[in-house]
Amino acid sequence: MFTKVYYLVRSPADGRYLTAHLEEESKGYLLLFHEHFEALSYLNTHGGELANSLAVESIPSSALGGLLKRWGFTGIGIVTDPLLPKIDFLKHNDK
């Protein structure tokens, strides 16, 4: 069986992930990219001086549920255009 692989951005210094916050009290939406180069494009375009201190990692879709639950993220944001950026937000249902 094939598993979709996503790419995410993480800080090697403290282990935190790149997230988007739509609501003030939200724990954030984990940003995911379809390709490694899209994550790098996003960082280079929008990351400024922080881009060099972040790393791109891969994660299989089968591991996303556990990651969302462990870190308490509200959901995921799939970046469909890293330059604009255009992001599709999906709320996580932990039931």
Protein backbone atom coordinates (compact mmCIF):
# COMPACT_ATOMS: atom_id res chain seq x y z
CA MET A 1 0.00 0.00 0.00
CA PHE A 2 1.28 3.45 -0.90
CA THR A 3 1.49 6.24 1.62
CA LYS A 4 1.54 9.92 0.71
CA VAL A 5 4.59 11.75 1.99
CA TYR A 6 4.34 15.36 3.12
CA TYR A 7 7.05 17.82 4.03
CA LEU A 8 7.04 20.09 7.05
CA VAL A 9 9.33 22.71 8.52
CA ARG A 10 10.87 22.27 11.94
CA SER A 11 13.35 24.13 14.10
CA PRO A 12 16.37 21.94 14.94
CA ALA A 13 17.09 24.20 17.93
CA ASP A 14 13.85 23.61 19.87
CA GLY A 15 11.94 21.01 17.81
CA ARG A 16 8.92 23.22 17.13
CA TYR A 17 7.04 23.02 13.85
CA LEU A 18 6.03 25.82 11.48
CA THR A 19 2.35 26.55 12.10
CA ALA A 20 -0.34 29.03 11.14
CA HIS A 21 -2.71 30.50 13.73
CA LEU A 22 -6.16 31.49 12.52
CA GLU A 23 -7.56 32.17 15.96
CA GLU A 24 -5.80 33.70 18.94
CA GLU A 25 -6.51 30.79 21.29
CA SER A 26 -5.77 28.17 18.62
CA LYS A 27 -2.84 25.81 19.04
CA GLY A 28 -2.22 26.28 15.35
CA TYR A 29 -2.41 24.42 12.09
CA LEU A 30 0.65 22.39 11.12
CA LEU A 31 1.83 23.56 7.70
CA LEU A 32 2.45 20.75 5.19
CA PHE A 33 3.94 20.85 1.71
CA HIS A 34 3.56 18.38 -1.17
CA GLU A 35 7.22 18.64 -2.21
CA HIS A 36 10.53 19.34 -0.48
CA PHE A 37 11.32 22.20 -2.87
CA GLU A 38 7.94 23.85 -2.10
CA ALA A 39 8.86 24.02 1.59
CA LEU A 40 12.22 25.56 0.70
CA SER A 41 10.52 28.09 -1.61
CA TYR A 42 8.11 29.05 1.17
CA LEU A 43 10.99 29.55 3.62
CA ASN A 44 13.07 31.57 1.18
CA THR A 45 10.11 33.78 0.24
CA HIS A 46 8.49 34.31 3.64
CA GLY A 47 11.07 33.20 6.22
CA GLY A 48 13.53 36.02 5.89
CA GLU A 49 16.50 35.66 8.20
CA LEU A 50 14.89 32.64 9.94
CA ALA A 51 15.08 30.47 6.80
CA ASN A 52 18.64 29.33 7.56
CA SER A 53 17.72 28.20 11.07
CA LEU A 54 14.88 25.88 9.97
CA ALA A 55 14.94 22.41 8.40
CA VAL A 56 12.59 20.57 6.07
CA GLU A 57 11.55 17.06 7.17
CA SER A 58 9.35 14.42 5.57
CA ILE A 59 6.46 12.61 7.24
CA PRO A 60 4.21 9.84 5.93
CA SER A 61 0.50 10.63 5.98
CA SER A 62 -0.02 7.62 8.26
CA ALA A 63 1.96 9.40 11.01
CA LEU A 64 0.07 12.71 10.83
CA GLY A 65 -2.72 11.75 13.23
CA GLY A 66 -0.30 10.86 16.00
CA LEU A 67 1.72 14.03 15.48
CA LEU A 68 -1.38 16.23 15.58
CA LYS A 69 -2.57 14.55 18.76
CA ARG A 70 0.83 14.61 20.51
CA TRP A 71 1.41 18.31 19.84
CA GLY A 72 -2.26 19.31 20.18
CA PHE A 73 -2.51 21.04 16.82
CA THR A 74 -5.93 22.27 15.69
CA GLY A 75 -5.43 20.75 12.24
CA ILE A 76 -3.27 20.95 9.15
CA GLY A 77 -2.68 23.60 6.54
CA ILE A 78 -1.66 22.18 3.17
CA VAL A 79 0.31 24.80 1.26
CA THR A 80 -0.79 24.61 -2.38
CA ASP A 81 1.16 27.67 -3.56
CA PRO A 82 4.24 28.55 -1.52
CA LEU A 83 4.87 31.90 -3.20
CA LEU A 84 1.49 33.61 -2.61
CA PRO A 85 0.98 31.64 -0.17
CA LYS A 86 -2.23 29.71 -0.73
CA ILE A 87 -3.12 27.31 2.09
CA ASP A 88 -6.02 24.88 2.48
CA PHE A 89 -6.87 24.47 6.17
CA LEU A 90 -8.34 21.23 7.51
CA LYS A 91 -9.47 20.92 11.11
CA HIS A 92 -8.40 17.76 12.95
CA ASN A 93 -11.11 15.57 14.44
CA ASP A 94 -9.39 13.57 17.17
CA LYS A 95 -12.25 11.11 17.74
